[in-house]
Amino acid sequence: MVKYVNAAGLEELIGSTDKTVYCDFWASWCGPCRMLAPVFEELSDKYEDEAVFVKIDVDEEDSEPAAIKYGITSIPNIIAFKGGKPVDNSLGFKPQAMLEEFVEKNL
């Protein structure tokens, strides 16, 4: 299950879990973001015991600090966090098989 967070929620989460956190930086007006949403949701269900999946809307004021901190200039942009730090990212829409490869390699 995908959770929706803001900047503070993201920082709290990545600092408090041993699991890999996948954060999808997105916006409601973004076509590729909307295409990616069901793929991201499906992967969150498949890997729910091994990882945490969250979304952060870059247009929300309380999410802006995270977008700035992690250098988000294009969306959708999924960042994988391990040990509280970003370790990898996937930029743009990817088909399920490619996104699953990204998830698998960062678990």
N, C-alpha and C. Protein backbone atom coordinates (compact mmCIF):
# COMPACT_ATOMS: atom_id res chain seq x y z
N MET A 1 0.84 -1.19 0.00
CA MET A 1 0.00 0.00 0.00
C MET A 1 0.88 1.25 0.00
N VAL A 2 0.56 2.16 -0.86
CA VAL A 2 1.31 3.41 -0.97
C VAL A 2 0.75 4.41 0.04
N LYS A 3 1.66 5.08 0.75
CA LYS A 3 1.27 6.13 1.69
C LYS A 3 1.64 7.48 1.08
N TYR A 4 0.83 8.48 1.39
CA TYR A 4 1.13 9.83 0.93
C TYR A 4 1.76 10.59 2.09
N VAL A 5 2.89 11.24 1.83
CA VAL A 5 3.62 11.95 2.88
C VAL A 5 3.98 13.35 2.41
N ASN A 6 4.43 14.17 3.37
CA ASN A 6 5.00 15.47 3.05
C ASN A 6 6.49 15.40 3.38
N ALA A 7 7.19 16.51 3.30
CA ALA A 7 8.64 16.51 3.52
C ALA A 7 9.00 15.99 4.91
N ALA A 8 8.31 16.47 5.93
CA ALA A 8 8.61 16.03 7.30
C ALA A 8 8.33 14.54 7.47
N GLY A 9 7.23 14.07 6.91
CA GLY A 9 6.89 12.65 6.99
C GLY A 9 7.91 11.77 6.30
N LEU A 10 8.43 12.24 5.17
CA LEU A 10 9.45 11.48 4.45
C LEU A 10 10.71 11.38 5.29
N GLU A 11 11.16 12.49 5.84
CA GLU A 11 12.39 12.49 6.64
C GLU A 11 12.24 11.59 7.86
N GLU A 12 11.09 11.65 8.50
CA GLU A 12 10.85 10.81 9.67
C GLU A 12 10.88 9.33 9.27
N LEU A 13 10.25 9.00 8.16
CA LEU A 13 10.19 7.62 7.71
C LEU A 13 11.55 7.06 7.33
N ILE A 14 12.30 7.80 6.52
CA ILE A 14 13.59 7.26 6.07
C ILE A 14 14.60 7.17 7.21
N GLY A 15 14.37 7.93 8.26
CA GLY A 15 15.27 7.86 9.42
C GLY A 15 14.87 6.82 10.44
N SER A 16 13.73 6.18 10.25
CA SER A 16 13.23 5.29 11.30
C SER A 16 12.95 3.86 10.84
N THR A 17 13.30 3.51 9.61
CA THR A 17 13.04 2.15 9.14
C THR A 17 14.31 1.51 8.58
N ASP A 18 14.40 0.21 8.71
CA ASP A 18 15.51 -0.53 8.13
C ASP A 18 15.20 -0.96 6.71
N LYS A 19 13.94 -0.84 6.32
CA LYS A 19 13.53 -1.23 4.97
C LYS A 19 13.92 -0.14 3.96
N THR A 20 14.06 -0.55 2.71
CA THR A 20 14.26 0.43 1.64
C THR A 20 12.96 1.21 1.48
N VAL A 21 13.07 2.52 1.35
CA VAL A 21 11.91 3.38 1.13
C VAL A 21 11.99 3.88 -0.31
N TYR A 22 10.92 3.64 -1.05
CA TYR A 22 10.81 4.14 -2.42
C TYR A 22 9.84 5.31 -2.40
N CYS A 23 10.33 6.49 -2.75
CA CYS A 23 9.50 7.69 -2.73
C CYS A 23 9.30 8.19 -4.16
N ASP A 24 8.04 8.25 -4.56
CA ASP A 24 7.66 8.76 -5.88
C ASP A 24 7.33 10.24 -5.76
N PHE A 25 8.19 11.08 -6.31
CA PHE A 25 7.93 12.52 -6.38
C PHE A 25 7.08 12.73 -7.63
N TRP A 26 5.88 13.31 -7.46
CA TRP A 26 4.90 13.37 -8.53
C TRP A 26 4.06 14.65 -8.41
N ALA A 27 3.17 14.85 -9.39
CA ALA A 27 2.18 15.94 -9.34
C ALA A 27 0.94 15.46 -10.10
N SER A 28 -0.21 15.95 -9.68
CA SER A 28 -1.48 15.50 -10.26
C SER A 28 -1.65 15.88 -11.73
N TRP A 29 -1.01 16.94 -12.19
CA TRP A 29 -1.14 17.39 -13.58
C TRP A 29 -0.21 16.66 -14.53
N CYS A 30 0.67 15.82 -14.01
CA CYS A 30 1.72 15.15 -14.78
C CYS A 30 1.21 13.85 -15.39
N GLY A 31 1.11 13.78 -16.72
CA GLY A 31 0.64 12.58 -17.40
C GLY A 31 1.47 11.34 -17.11
N PRO A 32 2.81 11.40 -17.24
CA PRO A 32 3.61 10.22 -16.92
C PRO A 32 3.46 9.80 -15.45
N CYS A 33 3.24 10.76 -14.56
CA CYS A 33 3.03 10.43 -13.14
C CYS A 33 1.75 9.61 -12.98
N ARG A 34 0.70 10.01 -13.69
CA ARG A 34 -0.57 9.28 -13.61
C ARG A 34 -0.43 7.89 -14.23
N MET A 35 0.38 7.76 -15.27
CA MET A 35 0.62 6.45 -15.88
C MET A 35 1.42 5.54 -14.93
N LEU A 36 2.32 6.13 -14.19
CA LEU A 36 3.17 5.36 -13.28
C LEU A 36 2.43 4.92 -12.02
N ALA A 37 1.42 5.66 -11.61
CA ALA A 37 0.74 5.41 -10.33
C ALA A 37 0.27 3.96 -10.15
N PRO A 38 -0.44 3.35 -11.11
CA PRO A 38 -0.89 1.97 -10.87
C PRO A 38 0.26 0.97 -10.83
N VAL A 39 1.33 1.23 -11.56
CA VAL A 39 2.50 0.35 -11.53
C VAL A 39 3.16 0.43 -10.15
N PHE A 40 3.32 1.64 -9.65
CA PHE A 40 3.92 1.87 -8.33
C PHE A 40 3.07 1.21 -7.25
N GLU A 41 1.76 1.34 -7.37
CA GLU A 41 0.82 0.74 -6.41
C GLU A 41 0.93 -0.79 -6.43
N GLU A 42 0.99 -1.36 -7.60
CA GLU A 42 1.09 -2.82 -7.71
C GLU A 42 2.39 -3.33 -7.09
N LEU A 43 3.49 -2.63 -7.35
CA LEU A 43 4.76 -3.04 -6.77
C LEU A 43 4.77 -2.87 -5.25
N SER A 44 4.07 -1.85 -4.77
CA SER A 44 3.99 -1.65 -3.31
C SER A 44 3.27 -2.82 -2.65
N ASP A 45 2.27 -3.36 -3.32
CA ASP A 45 1.56 -4.53 -2.79
C ASP A 45 2.46 -5.77 -2.83
N LYS A 46 3.18 -5.93 -3.92
CA LYS A 46 4.03 -7.12 -4.09
C LYS A 46 5.19 -7.14 -3.09
N TYR A 47 5.76 -5.98 -2.79
CA TYR A 47 6.94 -5.90 -1.93
C TYR A 47 6.64 -5.31 -0.55
N GLU A 48 5.39 -5.35 -0.11
CA GLU A 48 5.02 -4.69 1.13
C GLU A 48 5.76 -5.22 2.36
N ASP A 49 6.22 -6.47 2.33
CA ASP A 49 6.95 -7.01 3.48
C ASP A 49 8.43 -6.64 3.48
N GLU A 50 8.91 -6.16 2.34
CA GLU A 50 10.34 -5.89 2.19
C GLU A 50 10.69 -4.41 2.07
N ALA A 51 9.73 -3.58 1.72
CA ALA A 51 10.01 -2.17 1.46
C ALA A 51 8.80 -1.31 1.79
N VAL A 52 9.04 0.00 1.82
CA VAL A 52 7.98 0.97 2.07
C VAL A 52 7.87 1.85 0.83
N PHE A 53 6.64 2.08 0.37
CA PHE A 53 6.39 2.88 -0.83
C PHE A 53 5.57 4.10 -0.44
N VAL A 54 6.10 5.29 -0.78
CA VAL A 54 5.40 6.53 -0.47
C VAL A 54 5.39 7.44 -1.69
N LYS A 55 4.47 8.39 -1.68
CA LYS A 55 4.37 9.39 -2.73
C LYS A 55 4.40 10.76 -2.07
N ILE A 56 5.04 11.69 -2.74
CA ILE A 56 5.08 13.06 -2.25
C ILE A 56 4.75 13.99 -3.42
N ASP A 57 3.71 14.79 -3.24
CA ASP A 57 3.23 15.71 -4.28
C ASP A 57 4.10 16.96 -4.27
N VAL A 58 4.89 17.16 -5.32
CA VAL A 58 5.83 18.28 -5.36
C VAL A 58 5.13 19.64 -5.39
N ASP A 59 3.85 19.66 -5.70
CA ASP A 59 3.11 20.93 -5.73
C ASP A 59 2.60 21.37 -4.37
N GLU A 60 2.66 20.48 -3.39
CA GLU A 60 2.20 20.83 -2.05
C GLU A 60 3.29 21.62 -1.33
N GLU A 61 2.90 22.70 -0.68
CA GLU A 61 3.86 23.58 -0.02
C GLU A 61 4.70 22.85 1.03
N ASP A 62 4.06 21.94 1.77
CA ASP A 62 4.80 21.23 2.83
C ASP A 62 5.67 20.10 2.28
N SER A 63 5.68 19.92 0.96
CA SER A 63 6.54 18.92 0.32
C SER A 63 7.73 19.55 -0.38
N GLU A 64 7.66 20.86 -0.59
CA GLU A 64 8.71 21.57 -1.32
C GLU A 64 10.11 21.37 -0.73
N PRO A 65 10.27 21.38 0.60
CA PRO A 65 11.63 21.19 1.14
C PRO A 65 12.27 19.87 0.70
N ALA A 66 11.49 18.80 0.60
CA ALA A 66 12.04 17.51 0.16
C ALA A 66 12.44 17.57 -1.30
N ALA A 67 11.60 18.19 -2.13
CA ALA A 67 11.92 18.30 -3.55
C ALA A 67 13.22 19.09 -3.75
N ILE A 68 13.40 20.13 -2.96
CA ILE A 68 14.62 20.93 -3.05
C ILE A 68 15.82 20.12 -2.54
N LYS A 69 15.66 19.50 -1.38
CA LYS A 69 16.76 18.74 -0.76
C LYS A 69 17.29 17.64 -1.67
N TYR A 70 16.38 16.96 -2.37
CA TYR A 70 16.79 15.82 -3.20
C TYR A 70 16.93 16.18 -4.68
N GLY A 71 16.90 17.48 -4.99
CA GLY A 71 17.19 17.96 -6.34
C GLY A 71 16.19 17.52 -7.40
N ILE A 72 14.92 17.49 -7.05
CA ILE A 72 13.90 17.06 -7.99
C ILE A 72 13.62 18.19 -8.99
N THR A 73 14.00 17.96 -10.24
CA THR A 73 13.76 18.95 -11.29
C THR A 73 12.84 18.40 -12.37
N SER A 74 12.65 17.08 -12.40
CA SER A 74 11.75 16.43 -13.35
C SER A 74 10.97 15.34 -12.62
N ILE A 75 9.74 15.12 -13.06
CA ILE A 75 8.91 14.10 -12.44
C ILE A 75 8.26 13.25 -13.52
N PRO A 76 7.85 12.04 -13.21
CA PRO A 76 7.99 11.36 -11.94
C PRO A 76 9.45 10.97 -11.69
N ASN A 77 9.83 11.01 -10.44
CA ASN A 77 11.18 10.65 -10.04
C ASN A 77 11.06 9.81 -8.77
N ILE A 78 11.42 8.54 -8.85
CA ILE A 78 11.37 7.67 -7.68
C ILE A 78 12.78 7.57 -7.12
N ILE A 79 12.92 7.89 -5.85
CA ILE A 79 14.20 7.77 -5.17
C ILE A 79 14.12 6.61 -4.19
N ALA A 80 15.14 5.76 -4.21
CA ALA A 80 15.27 4.67 -3.25
C ALA A 80 16.16 5.16 -2.11
N PHE A 81 15.68 5.03 -0.88
CA PHE A 81 16.42 5.42 0.31
C PHE A 81 16.77 4.19 1.13
N LYS A 82 18.03 4.11 1.55
CA LYS A 82 18.48 3.04 2.45
C LYS A 82 19.29 3.69 3.55
N GLY A 83 19.03 3.30 4.77
CA GLY A 83 19.79 3.87 5.88
C GLY A 83 19.67 5.37 5.98
N GLY A 84 18.52 5.90 5.56
CA GLY A 84 18.27 7.33 5.66
C GLY A 84 18.87 8.16 4.54
N LYS A 85 19.50 7.50 3.56
CA LYS A 85 20.15 8.24 2.48
C LYS A 85 19.66 7.75 1.11
N PRO A 86 19.61 8.66 0.14
CA PRO A 86 19.24 8.23 -1.22
C PRO A 86 20.35 7.38 -1.81
N VAL A 87 19.97 6.25 -2.42
CA VAL A 87 20.97 5.35 -3.01
C VAL A 87 20.79 5.19 -4.52
N ASP A 88 19.61 5.49 -5.03
CA ASP A 88 19.37 5.32 -6.47
C ASP A 88 18.10 6.06 -6.84
N ASN A 89 17.90 6.32 -8.13
CA ASN A 89 16.64 6.92 -8.56
C ASN A 89 16.24 6.43 -9.94
N SER A 90 14.96 6.53 -10.21
CA SER A 90 14.38 6.15 -11.49
C SER A 90 13.57 7.35 -11.99
N LEU A 91 14.00 7.92 -13.09
CA LEU A 91 13.37 9.14 -13.61
C LEU A 91 12.47 8.82 -14.78
N GLY A 92 11.26 9.36 -14.75
CA GLY A 92 10.32 9.18 -15.85
C GLY A 92 9.50 7.92 -15.72
N PHE A 93 8.54 7.77 -16.62
CA PHE A 93 7.70 6.57 -16.61
C PHE A 93 8.52 5.37 -17.06
N LYS A 94 8.32 4.26 -16.36
CA LYS A 94 8.95 2.99 -16.74
C LYS A 94 7.87 1.91 -16.73
N PRO A 95 7.91 0.97 -17.68
CA PRO A 95 6.96 -0.15 -17.63
C PRO A 95 7.24 -0.99 -16.38
N GLN A 96 6.26 -1.79 -16.01
CA GLN A 96 6.34 -2.53 -14.76
C GLN A 96 7.62 -3.37 -14.64
N ALA A 97 8.00 -4.08 -15.69
CA ALA A 97 9.19 -4.94 -15.62
C ALA A 97 10.45 -4.13 -15.30
N MET A 98 10.59 -2.97 -15.91
CA MET A 98 11.77 -2.13 -15.66
C MET A 98 11.75 -1.56 -14.25
N LEU A 99 10.57 -1.13 -13.81
CA LEU A 99 10.48 -0.56 -12.46
C LEU A 99 10.71 -1.65 -11.41
N GLU A 100 10.25 -2.86 -11.71
CA GLU A 100 10.47 -3.96 -10.77
C GLU A 100 11.96 -4.28 -10.67
N GLU A 101 12.69 -4.19 -11.76
CA GLU A 101 14.15 -4.37 -11.72
C GLU A 101 14.80 -3.34 -10.80
N PHE A 102 14.35 -2.09 -10.92
CA PHE A 102 14.84 -1.01 -10.06
C PHE A 102 14.58 -1.33 -8.59
N VAL A 103 13.36 -1.78 -8.29
CA VAL A 103 13.00 -2.12 -6.91
C VAL A 103 13.87 -3.28 -6.41
N GLU A 104 13.96 -4.33 -7.20
CA GLU A 104 14.73 -5.52 -6.81
C GLU A 104 16.18 -5.20 -6.51
N LYS A 105 16.82 -4.38 -7.35
CA LYS A 105 18.24 -4.11 -7.16
C LYS A 105 18.51 -3.23 -5.95
N ASN A 106 17.50 -2.56 -5.43
CA ASN A 106 17.71 -1.67 -4.28
C ASN A 106 17.12 -2.19 -2.97
N LEU A 107 16.60 -3.41 -2.98
CA LEU A 107 16.05 -3.96 -1.73
C LEU A 107 17.13 -4.16 -0.70
